[in-house]
Amino acid sequence: KASINGKTVNVLFDTGAISIVSRNAAKRVGLIDDEKVMTPAGTVF
């Protein structure tokens, strides 16, 4: 368990990955209430 902006989220440890937040989780914790704050950052895989 971790928290983003005070809201609890489950995190998965993956030593071979870059750290990401799913779009659904980002919406749930209020990171993208306004999609204008989103800056494109390429692709993840």
All heavy atoms as atom14 arrays in JSON, in Angstrom:
{
  "sequence": "KASINGKTVNVLFDTGAISIVSRNAAKRVGLIDDEKVMTPAGTVF",
  "atom14_mask": [
    [1, 1, 1, 1, 1, 1, 1, 1, 1, 0, 0, 0, 0, 0],
    [1, 1, 1, 1, 1, 0, 0, 0, 0, 0, 0, 0, 0, 0],
    [1, 1, 1, 1, 1, 1, 0, 0, 0, 0, 0, 0, 0, 0],
    [1, 1, 1, 1, 1, 1, 1, 1, 0, 0, 0, 0, 0, 0],
    [1, 1, 1, 1, 1, 1, 1, 1, 0, 0, 0, 0, 0, 0],
    [1, 1, 1, 1, 0, 0, 0, 0, 0, 0, 0, 0, 0, 0],
    [1, 1, 1, 1, 1, 1, 1, 1, 1, 0, 0, 0, 0, 0],
    [1, 1, 1, 1, 1, 1, 1, 0, 0, 0, 0, 0, 0, 0],
    [1, 1, 1, 1, 1, 1, 1, 0, 0, 0, 0, 0, 0, 0],
    [1, 1, 1, 1, 1, 1, 1, 1, 0, 0, 0, 0, 0, 0],
    [1, 1, 1, 1, 1, 1, 1, 0, 0, 0, 0, 0, 0, 0],
    [1, 1, 1, 1, 1, 1, 1, 1, 0, 0, 0, 0, 0, 0],
    [1, 1, 1, 1, 1, 1, 1, 1, 1, 1, 1, 0, 0, 0],
    [1, 1, 1, 1, 1, 1, 1, 1, 0, 0, 0, 0, 0, 0],
    [1, 1, 1, 1, 1, 1, 1, 0, 0, 0, 0, 0, 0, 0],
    [1, 1, 1, 1, 0, 0, 0, 0, 0, 0, 0, 0, 0, 0],
    [1, 1, 1, 1, 1, 0, 0, 0, 0, 0, 0, 0, 0, 0],
    [1, 1, 1, 1, 1, 1, 1, 1, 0, 0, 0, 0, 0, 0],
    [1, 1, 1, 1, 1, 1, 0, 0, 0, 0, 0, 0, 0, 0],
    [1, 1, 1, 1, 1, 1, 1, 1, 0, 0, 0, 0, 0, 0],
    [1, 1, 1, 1, 1, 1, 1, 0, 0, 0, 0, 0, 0, 0],
    [1, 1, 1, 1, 1, 1, 0, 0, 0, 0, 0, 0, 0, 0],
    [1, 1, 1, 1, 1, 1, 1, 1, 1, 1, 1, 0, 0, 0],
    [1, 1, 1, 1, 1, 1, 1, 1, 0, 0, 0, 0, 0, 0],
    [1, 1, 1, 1, 1, 0, 0, 0, 0, 0, 0, 0, 0, 0],
    [1, 1, 1, 1, 1, 0, 0, 0, 0, 0, 0, 0, 0, 0],
    [1, 1, 1, 1, 1, 1, 1, 1, 1, 0, 0, 0, 0, 0],
    [1, 1, 1, 1, 1, 1, 1, 1, 1, 1, 1, 0, 0, 0],
    [1, 1, 1, 1, 1, 1, 1, 0, 0, 0, 0, 0, 0, 0],
    [1, 1, 1, 1, 0, 0, 0, 0, 0, 0, 0, 0, 0, 0],
    [1, 1, 1, 1, 1, 1, 1, 1, 0, 0, 0, 0, 0, 0],
    [1, 1, 1, 1, 1, 1, 1, 1, 0, 0, 0, 0, 0, 0],
    [1, 1, 1, 1, 1, 1, 1, 1, 0, 0, 0, 0, 0, 0],
    [1, 1, 1, 1, 1, 1, 1, 1, 0, 0, 0, 0, 0, 0],
    [1, 1, 1, 1, 1, 1, 1, 1, 1, 0, 0, 0, 0, 0],
    [1, 1, 1, 1, 1, 1, 1, 1, 1, 0, 0, 0, 0, 0],
    [1, 1, 1, 1, 1, 1, 1, 0, 0, 0, 0, 0, 0, 0],
    [1, 1, 1, 1, 1, 1, 1, 1, 0, 0, 0, 0, 0, 0],
    [1, 1, 1, 1, 1, 1, 1, 0, 0, 0, 0, 0, 0, 0],
    [1, 1, 1, 1, 1, 1, 1, 0, 0, 0, 0, 0, 0, 0],
    [1, 1, 1, 1, 1, 0, 0, 0, 0, 0, 0, 0, 0, 0],
    [1, 1, 1, 1, 0, 0, 0, 0, 0, 0, 0, 0, 0, 0],
    [1, 1, 1, 1, 1, 1, 1, 0, 0, 0, 0, 0, 0, 0],
    [1, 1, 1, 1, 1, 1, 1, 0, 0, 0, 0, 0, 0, 0],
    [1, 1, 1, 1, 1, 1, 1, 1, 1, 1, 1, 0, 0, 0]
  ],
  "atom14_positions": [
    [[0.86, -1.19, 0.0], [0.0, 0.0, 0.0], [0.89, 1.23, 0.0], [1.93, 1.27, 0.66], [-0.89, 0.03, 1.23], [-1.81, -1.16, 1.35], [-3.17, -0.83, 0.87], [-4.1, -2.01, 1.09], [-5.0, -2.19, -0.01], [0.0, 0.0, 0.0], [0.0, 0.0, 0.0], [0.0, 0.0, 0.0], [0.0, 0.0, 0.0], [0.0, 0.0, 0.0]],
    [[0.49, 2.24, -0.76], [1.17, 3.53, -0.79], [0.09, 4.59, -0.83], [-1.11, 4.27, -0.83], [2.08, 3.62, -2.02], [0.0, 0.0, 0.0], [0.0, 0.0, 0.0], [0.0, 0.0, 0.0], [0.0, 0.0, 0.0], [0.0, 0.0, 0.0], [0.0, 0.0, 0.0], [0.0, 0.0, 0.0], [0.0, 0.0, 0.0], [0.0, 0.0, 0.0]],
    [[0.48, 5.84, -0.86], [-0.53, 6.89, -1.05], [-0.01, 7.94, -2.02], [1.18, 8.25, -2.05], [-0.94, 7.53, 0.28], [0.08, 8.34, 0.79], [0.0, 0.0, 0.0], [0.0, 0.0, 0.0], [0.0, 0.0, 0.0], [0.0, 0.0, 0.0], [0.0, 0.0, 0.0], [0.0, 0.0, 0.0], [0.0, 0.0, 0.0], [0.0, 0.0, 0.0]],
    [[-0.94, 8.42, -2.81], [-0.67, 9.52, -3.74], [-1.61, 10.64, -3.34], [-2.83, 10.45, -3.3], [-0.93, 9.1, -5.2], [0.01, 7.96, -5.59], [-0.78, 10.29, -6.14], [-0.27, 7.36, -6.96], [0.0, 0.0, 0.0], [0.0, 0.0, 0.0], [0.0, 0.0, 0.0], [0.0, 0.0, 0.0], [0.0, 0.0, 0.0], [0.0, 0.0, 0.0]],
    [[-1.01, 11.77, -3.02], [-1.79, 12.94, -2.57], [-2.78, 12.57, -1.46], [-3.92, 13.01, -1.43], [-2.53, 13.59, -3.74], [-1.56, 14.2, -4.74], [-0.37, 14.34, -4.47], [-2.07, 14.58, -5.9], [0.0, 0.0, 0.0], [0.0, 0.0, 0.0], [0.0, 0.0, 0.0], [0.0, 0.0, 0.0], [0.0, 0.0, 0.0], [0.0, 0.0, 0.0]],
    [[-2.32, 11.68, -0.55], [-3.12, 11.3, 0.61], [-4.15, 10.22, 0.37], [-4.86, 9.84, 1.29], [0.0, 0.0, 0.0], [0.0, 0.0, 0.0], [0.0, 0.0, 0.0], [0.0, 0.0, 0.0], [0.0, 0.0, 0.0], [0.0, 0.0, 0.0], [0.0, 0.0, 0.0], [0.0, 0.0, 0.0], [0.0, 0.0, 0.0], [0.0, 0.0, 0.0]],
    [[-4.25, 9.68, -0.85], [-5.22, 8.64, -1.15], [-4.49, 7.32, -1.38], [-3.51, 7.26, -2.1], [-6.05, 9.02, -2.37], [-6.88, 10.26, -2.1], [-7.78, 10.6, -3.25], [-8.57, 11.85, -2.88], [-9.21, 12.43, -4.03], [0.0, 0.0, 0.0], [0.0, 0.0, 0.0], [0.0, 0.0, 0.0], [0.0, 0.0, 0.0], [0.0, 0.0, 0.0]],
    [[-5.01, 6.25, -0.76], [-4.35, 4.94, -0.79], [-4.46, 4.28, -2.16], [-5.51, 4.3, -2.79], [-4.97, 4.02, 0.28], [-4.8, 4.64, 1.56], [-4.29, 2.66, 0.29], [0.0, 0.0, 0.0], [0.0, 0.0, 0.0], [0.0, 0.0, 0.0], [0.0, 0.0, 0.0], [0.0, 0.0, 0.0], [0.0, 0.0, 0.0], [0.0, 0.0, 0.0]],
    [[-3.34, 3.71, -2.57], [-3.29, 2.92, -3.81], [-2.48, 1.65, -3.53], [-1.66, 1.62, -2.62], [-2.62, 3.7, -4.98], [-3.46, 4.88, -5.4], [-1.2, 4.14, -4.62], [0.0, 0.0, 0.0], [0.0, 0.0, 0.0], [0.0, 0.0, 0.0], [0.0, 0.0, 0.0], [0.0, 0.0, 0.0], [0.0, 0.0, 0.0], [0.0, 0.0, 0.0]],
    [[-2.74, 0.6, -4.3], [-1.9, -0.59, -4.27], [-0.78, -0.38, -5.27], [-1.03, 0.09, -6.39], [-2.7, -1.84, -4.66], [-3.57, -2.33, -3.54], [-3.24, -2.22, -2.37], [-4.72, -2.87, -3.89], [0.0, 0.0, 0.0], [0.0, 0.0, 0.0], [0.0, 0.0, 0.0], [0.0, 0.0, 0.0], [0.0, 0.0, 0.0], [0.0, 0.0, 0.0]],
    [[0.44, -0.73, -4.89], [1.57, -0.63, -5.81], [2.15, -2.02, -6.02], [2.15, -2.86, -5.13], [2.66, 0.35, -5.31], [2.14, 1.77, -5.28], [3.19, -0.04, -3.94], [0.0, 0.0, 0.0], [0.0, 0.0, 0.0], [0.0, 0.0, 0.0], [0.0, 0.0, 0.0], [0.0, 0.0, 0.0], [0.0, 0.0, 0.0], [0.0, 0.0, 0.0]],
    [[2.63, -2.25, -7.24], [3.24, -3.52, -7.62], [4.72, -3.26, -7.81], [5.09, -2.35, -8.55], [2.61, -4.03, -8.92], [3.23, -5.26, -9.56], [2.99, -6.49, -8.69], [2.62, -5.48, -10.95], [0.0, 0.0, 0.0], [0.0, 0.0, 0.0], [0.0, 0.0, 0.0], [0.0, 0.0, 0.0], [0.0, 0.0, 0.0], [0.0, 0.0, 0.0]],
    [[5.57, -4.03, -7.14], [7.01, -3.88, -7.29], [7.46, -4.66, -8.53], [7.18, -5.84, -8.66], [7.76, -4.41, -6.06], [7.54, -3.57, -4.83], [6.47, -3.78, -4.01], [8.42, -2.55, -4.52], [6.26, -3.01, -2.88], [8.23, -1.76, -3.4], [7.14, -1.99, -2.58], [0.0, 0.0, 0.0], [0.0, 0.0, 0.0], [0.0, 0.0, 0.0]],
    [[8.16, -3.98, -9.42], [8.67, -4.6, -10.65], [10.03, -3.97, -10.92], [10.12, -2.84, -11.38], [7.71, -4.35, -11.81], [8.16, -5.03, -13.09], [9.34, -5.43, -13.2], [7.32, -5.15, -14.0], [0.0, 0.0, 0.0], [0.0, 0.0, 0.0], [0.0, 0.0, 0.0], [0.0, 0.0, 0.0], [0.0, 0.0, 0.0], [0.0, 0.0, 0.0]],
    [[11.09, -4.71, -10.63], [12.43, -4.15, -10.75], [12.84, -3.9, -12.19], [13.84, -3.25, -12.44], [13.48, -5.06, -10.09], [13.42, -6.34, -10.71], [13.23, -5.18, -8.59], [0.0, 0.0, 0.0], [0.0, 0.0, 0.0], [0.0, 0.0, 0.0], [0.0, 0.0, 0.0], [0.0, 0.0, 0.0], [0.0, 0.0, 0.0], [0.0, 0.0, 0.0]],
    [[12.06, -4.41, -13.14], [12.42, -4.22, -14.54], [11.59, -3.16, -15.23], [11.58, -3.08, -16.45], [0.0, 0.0, 0.0], [0.0, 0.0, 0.0], [0.0, 0.0, 0.0], [0.0, 0.0, 0.0], [0.0, 0.0, 0.0], [0.0, 0.0, 0.0], [0.0, 0.0, 0.0], [0.0, 0.0, 0.0], [0.0, 0.0, 0.0], [0.0, 0.0, 0.0]],
    [[10.89, -2.34, -14.47], [9.97, -1.38, -15.09], [10.26, 0.03, -14.61], [10.82, 0.25, -13.55], [8.53, -1.75, -14.75], [0.0, 0.0, 0.0], [0.0, 0.0, 0.0], [0.0, 0.0, 0.0], [0.0, 0.0, 0.0], [0.0, 0.0, 0.0], [0.0, 0.0, 0.0], [0.0, 0.0, 0.0], [0.0, 0.0, 0.0], [0.0, 0.0, 0.0]],
    [[9.82, 0.99, -15.41], [9.81, 2.38, -14.98], [8.56, 2.57, -14.13], [7.56, 1.88, -14.33], [9.83, 3.33, -16.2], [10.02, 4.76, -15.75], [8.58, 3.18, -17.04], [10.34, 5.71, -16.89], [0.0, 0.0, 0.0], [0.0, 0.0, 0.0], [0.0, 0.0, 0.0], [0.0, 0.0, 0.0], [0.0, 0.0, 0.0], [0.0, 0.0, 0.0]],
    [[8.6, 3.45, -13.15], [7.44, 3.65, -12.28], [6.33, 4.37, -13.04], [6.58, 5.37, -13.72], [7.84, 4.47, -11.05], [8.82, 3.77, -10.31], [0.0, 0.0, 0.0], [0.0, 0.0, 0.0], [0.0, 0.0, 0.0], [0.0, 0.0, 0.0], [0.0, 0.0, 0.0], [0.0, 0.0, 0.0], [0.0, 0.0, 0.0], [0.0, 0.0, 0.0]],
    [[5.13, 3.83, -12.94], [3.97, 4.41, -13.62], [2.76, 4.36, -12.7], [2.74, 3.63, -11.71], [3.62, 3.66, -14.93], [3.27, 2.2, -14.64], [4.75, 3.76, -15.94], [2.68, 1.46, -15.84], [0.0, 0.0, 0.0], [0.0, 0.0, 0.0], [0.0, 0.0, 0.0], [0.0, 0.0, 0.0], [0.0, 0.0, 0.0], [0.0, 0.0, 0.0]],
    [[1.76, 5.16, -13.02], [0.45, 5.11, -12.37], [-0.55, 4.89, -13.5], [-0.5, 5.6, -14.52], [0.13, 6.45, -11.64], [-1.27, 6.41, -11.06], [1.15, 6.75, -10.57], [0.0, 0.0, 0.0], [0.0, 0.0, 0.0], [0.0, 0.0, 0.0], [0.0, 0.0, 0.0], [0.0, 0.0, 0.0], [0.0, 0.0, 0.0], [0.0, 0.0, 0.0]],
    [[-1.44, 3.93, -13.33], [-2.43, 3.7, -14.38], [-3.31, 4.94, -14.53], [-3.49, 5.72, -13.58], [-3.29, 2.47, -14.06], [-4.19, 2.77, -13.01], [0.0, 0.0, 0.0], [0.0, 0.0, 0.0], [0.0, 0.0, 0.0], [0.0, 0.0, 0.0], [0.0, 0.0, 0.0], [0.0, 0.0, 0.0], [0.0, 0.0, 0.0], [0.0, 0.0, 0.0]],
    [[-3.87, 5.12, -15.71], [-4.74, 6.28, -15.94], [-5.95, 6.23, -15.03], [-6.36, 7.26, -14.49], [-5.14, 6.31, -17.41], [-5.8, 7.6, -17.79], [-5.98, 7.7, -19.28], [-6.77, 8.88, -19.56], [-6.6, 9.63, -20.61], [-5.66, 9.34, -21.48], [-7.36, 10.67, -20.81], [0.0, 0.0, 0.0], [0.0, 0.0, 0.0], [0.0, 0.0, 0.0]],
    [[-6.52, 5.04, -14.8], [-7.67, 4.92, -13.9], [-7.31, 5.32, -12.48], [-8.07, 6.02, -11.81], [-8.23, 3.5, -13.92], [-8.98, 3.19, -15.19], [-9.4, 4.1, -15.91], [-9.15, 1.91, -15.49], [0.0, 0.0, 0.0], [0.0, 0.0, 0.0], [0.0, 0.0, 0.0], [0.0, 0.0, 0.0], [0.0, 0.0, 0.0], [0.0, 0.0, 0.0]],
    [[-6.13, 4.87, -11.99], [-5.71, 5.24, -10.64], [-5.44, 6.74, -10.56], [-5.78, 7.38, -9.56], [-4.47, 4.45, -10.23], [0.0, 0.0, 0.0], [0.0, 0.0, 0.0], [0.0, 0.0, 0.0], [0.0, 0.0, 0.0], [0.0, 0.0, 0.0], [0.0, 0.0, 0.0], [0.0, 0.0, 0.0], [0.0, 0.0, 0.0], [0.0, 0.0, 0.0]],
    [[-4.83, 7.31, -11.6], [-4.56, 8.75, -11.62], [-5.86, 9.55, -11.52], [-5.93, 10.54, -10.79], [-3.79, 9.12, -12.88], [0.0, 0.0, 0.0], [0.0, 0.0, 0.0], [0.0, 0.0, 0.0], [0.0, 0.0, 0.0], [0.0, 0.0, 0.0], [0.0, 0.0, 0.0], [0.0, 0.0, 0.0], [0.0, 0.0, 0.0], [0.0, 0.0, 0.0]],
    [[-6.88, 9.1, -12.21], [-8.19, 9.77, -12.12], [-8.77, 9.61, -10.72], [-9.29, 10.55, -10.14], [-9.16, 9.21, -13.16], [-8.89, 9.71, -14.55], [-9.93, 9.17, -15.53], [-9.65, 9.71, -16.92], [-10.64, 9.24, -17.9], [0.0, 0.0, 0.0], [0.0, 0.0, 0.0], [0.0, 0.0, 0.0], [0.0, 0.0, 0.0], [0.0, 0.0, 0.0]],
    [[-8.68, 8.38, -10.17], [-9.27, 8.09, -8.86], [-8.67, 8.94, -7.75], [-9.36, 9.37, -6.84], [-9.12, 6.6, -8.54], [-9.84, 6.19, -7.25], [-9.81, 4.7, -7.02], [-8.49, 4.13, -6.87], [-7.75, 4.22, -5.76], [-8.19, 4.88, -4.72], [-6.57, 3.64, -5.7], [0.0, 0.0, 0.0], [0.0, 0.0, 0.0], [0.0, 0.0, 0.0]],
    [[-7.36, 9.2, -7.81], [-6.71, 9.97, -6.74], [-6.66, 11.47, -7.06], [-6.07, 12.24, -6.32], [-5.29, 9.44, -6.42], [-5.35, 7.99, -5.98], [-4.33, 9.63, -7.56], [0.0, 0.0, 0.0], [0.0, 0.0, 0.0], [0.0, 0.0, 0.0], [0.0, 0.0, 0.0], [0.0, 0.0, 0.0], [0.0, 0.0, 0.0], [0.0, 0.0, 0.0]],
    [[-7.28, 11.85, -8.17], [-7.39, 13.28, -8.49], [-6.2, 13.9, -9.19], [-6.06, 15.12, -9.2], [0.0, 0.0, 0.0], [0.0, 0.0, 0.0], [0.0, 0.0, 0.0], [0.0, 0.0, 0.0], [0.0, 0.0, 0.0], [0.0, 0.0, 0.0], [0.0, 0.0, 0.0], [0.0, 0.0, 0.0], [0.0, 0.0, 0.0], [0.0, 0.0, 0.0]],
    [[-5.33, 13.07, -9.79], [-4.18, 13.64, -10.49], [-4.57, 14.29, -11.82], [-3.9, 15.2, -12.29], [-3.12, 12.56, -10.77], [-2.39, 12.01, -9.56], [-1.39, 10.95, -10.01], [-1.68, 13.11, -8.79], [0.0, 0.0, 0.0], [0.0, 0.0, 0.0], [0.0, 0.0, 0.0], [0.0, 0.0, 0.0], [0.0, 0.0, 0.0], [0.0, 0.0, 0.0]],
    [[-5.64, 13.79, -12.42], [-6.02, 14.33, -13.73], [-7.49, 14.74, -13.76], [-8.22, 14.41, -14.69], [-5.68, 13.36, -14.89], [-6.22, 11.95, -14.65], [-4.19, 13.31, -15.13], [-5.97, 10.99, -15.81], [0.0, 0.0, 0.0], [0.0, 0.0, 0.0], [0.0, 0.0, 0.0], [0.0, 0.0, 0.0], [0.0, 0.0, 0.0], [0.0, 0.0, 0.0]],
    [[-7.9, 15.5, -12.74], [-9.24, 16.08, -12.79], [-9.34, 17.01, -14.0], [-10.36, 17.12, -14.64], [-9.54, 16.87, -11.51], [-9.7, 15.94, -10.31], [-10.01, 14.75, -10.51], [-9.49, 16.41, -9.18], [0.0, 0.0, 0.0], [0.0, 0.0, 0.0], [0.0, 0.0, 0.0], [0.0, 0.0, 0.0], [0.0, 0.0, 0.0], [0.0, 0.0, 0.0]],
    [[-8.24, 17.69, -14.29], [-8.16, 18.59, -15.43], [-7.09, 18.03, -16.37], [-5.9, 18.09, -16.07], [-7.77, 20.0, -14.97], [-7.57, 20.97, -16.11], [-7.82, 20.6, -17.27], [-7.14, 22.11, -15.84], [0.0, 0.0, 0.0], [0.0, 0.0, 0.0], [0.0, 0.0, 0.0], [0.0, 0.0, 0.0], [0.0, 0.0, 0.0], [0.0, 0.0, 0.0]],
    [[-7.51, 17.47, -17.51], [-6.55, 16.82, -18.41], [-5.59, 17.8, -19.06], [-4.63, 17.39, -19.71], [-7.3, 15.96, -19.44], [-8.02, 14.81, -18.74], [-8.38, 13.67, -19.66], [-7.92, 13.63, -20.81], [-9.13, 12.8, -19.2], [0.0, 0.0, 0.0], [0.0, 0.0, 0.0], [0.0, 0.0, 0.0], [0.0, 0.0, 0.0], [0.0, 0.0, 0.0]],
    [[-5.76, 19.09, -18.85], [-4.83, 20.09, -19.38], [-3.48, 20.03, -18.67], [-2.49, 20.53, -19.18], [-5.42, 21.49, -19.27], [-6.63, 21.7, -20.15], [-7.23, 23.07, -19.93], [-8.54, 23.16, -20.69], [-9.3, 24.32, -20.29], [0.0, 0.0, 0.0], [0.0, 0.0, 0.0], [0.0, 0.0, 0.0], [0.0, 0.0, 0.0], [0.0, 0.0, 0.0]],
    [[-3.43, 19.4, -17.48], [-2.16, 19.31, -16.74], [-1.3, 18.16, -17.26], [-0.16, 18.0, -16.84], [-2.38, 19.13, -15.22], [-3.16, 20.29, -14.65], [-3.04, 17.81, -14.89], [0.0, 0.0, 0.0], [0.0, 0.0, 0.0], [0.0, 0.0, 0.0], [0.0, 0.0, 0.0], [0.0, 0.0, 0.0], [0.0, 0.0, 0.0], [0.0, 0.0, 0.0]],
    [[-1.83, 17.35, -18.18], [-1.11, 16.18, -18.7], [-0.12, 16.61, -19.79], [-0.5, 17.29, -20.73], [-2.1, 15.16, -19.26], [-3.04, 14.61, -18.2], [-4.4, 13.6, -18.86], [-3.51, 12.27, -19.62], [0.0, 0.0, 0.0], [0.0, 0.0, 0.0], [0.0, 0.0, 0.0], [0.0, 0.0, 0.0], [0.0, 0.0, 0.0], [0.0, 0.0, 0.0]],
    [[1.14, 16.22, -19.62], [2.18, 16.5, -20.62], [2.55, 15.19, -21.3], [2.95, 14.23, -20.62], [3.44, 17.09, -19.94], [3.07, 18.24, -19.2], [4.5, 17.42, -20.96], [0.0, 0.0, 0.0], [0.0, 0.0, 0.0], [0.0, 0.0, 0.0], [0.0, 0.0, 0.0], [0.0, 0.0, 0.0], [0.0, 0.0, 0.0], [0.0, 0.0, 0.0]],
    [[2.43, 15.09, -22.65], [2.78, 13.84, -23.33], [4.22, 13.44, -23.02], [5.12, 14.27, -22.98], [2.62, 14.18, -24.81], [1.66, 15.33, -24.83], [1.96, 16.12, -23.58], [0.0, 0.0, 0.0], [0.0, 0.0, 0.0], [0.0, 0.0, 0.0], [0.0, 0.0, 0.0], [0.0, 0.0, 0.0], [0.0, 0.0, 0.0], [0.0, 0.0, 0.0]],
    [[4.42, 12.11, -22.79], [5.74, 11.61, -22.44], [6.12, 10.38, -23.25], [6.86, 9.52, -22.78], [5.79, 11.31, -20.94], [0.0, 0.0, 0.0], [0.0, 0.0, 0.0], [0.0, 0.0, 0.0], [0.0, 0.0, 0.0], [0.0, 0.0, 0.0], [0.0, 0.0, 0.0], [0.0, 0.0, 0.0], [0.0, 0.0, 0.0], [0.0, 0.0, 0.0]],
    [[5.59, 10.25, -24.45], [5.95, 9.11, -25.3], [5.1, 7.9, -25.0], [3.92, 8.02, -24.67], [0.0, 0.0, 0.0], [0.0, 0.0, 0.0], [0.0, 0.0, 0.0], [0.0, 0.0, 0.0], [0.0, 0.0, 0.0], [0.0, 0.0, 0.0], [0.0, 0.0, 0.0], [0.0, 0.0, 0.0], [0.0, 0.0, 0.0], [0.0, 0.0, 0.0]],
    [[5.72, 6.72, -25.1], [4.98, 5.47, -24.88], [5.63, 4.66, -23.77], [6.8, 4.83, -23.45], [4.97, 4.61, -26.17], [6.31, 4.35, -26.56], [4.23, 5.29, -27.3], [0.0, 0.0, 0.0], [0.0, 0.0, 0.0], [0.0, 0.0, 0.0], [0.0, 0.0, 0.0], [0.0, 0.0, 0.0], [0.0, 0.0, 0.0], [0.0, 0.0, 0.0]],
    [[4.83, 3.8, -23.16], [5.32, 2.84, -22.17], [5.06, 1.44, -22.71], [4.12, 1.23, -23.47], [4.67, 3.02, -20.78], [5.07, 4.32, -20.16], [3.16, 2.9, -20.86], [0.0, 0.0, 0.0], [0.0, 0.0, 0.0], [0.0, 0.0, 0.0], [0.0, 0.0, 0.0], [0.0, 0.0, 0.0], [0.0, 0.0, 0.0], [0.0, 0.0, 0.0]],
    [[5.9, 0.5, -22.33], [5.75, -0.88, -22.78], [6.41, -1.8, -21.78], [7.18, -1.37, -20.94], [6.37, -1.09, -24.17], [7.8, -0.64, -24.25], [8.83, -1.52, -23.98], [8.12, 0.67, -24.57], [10.15, -1.11, -24.04], [9.43, 1.09, -24.63], [10.46, 0.2, -24.36], [0.0, 0.0, 0.0], [0.0, 0.0, 0.0], [0.0, 0.0, 0.0]]
  ]
}
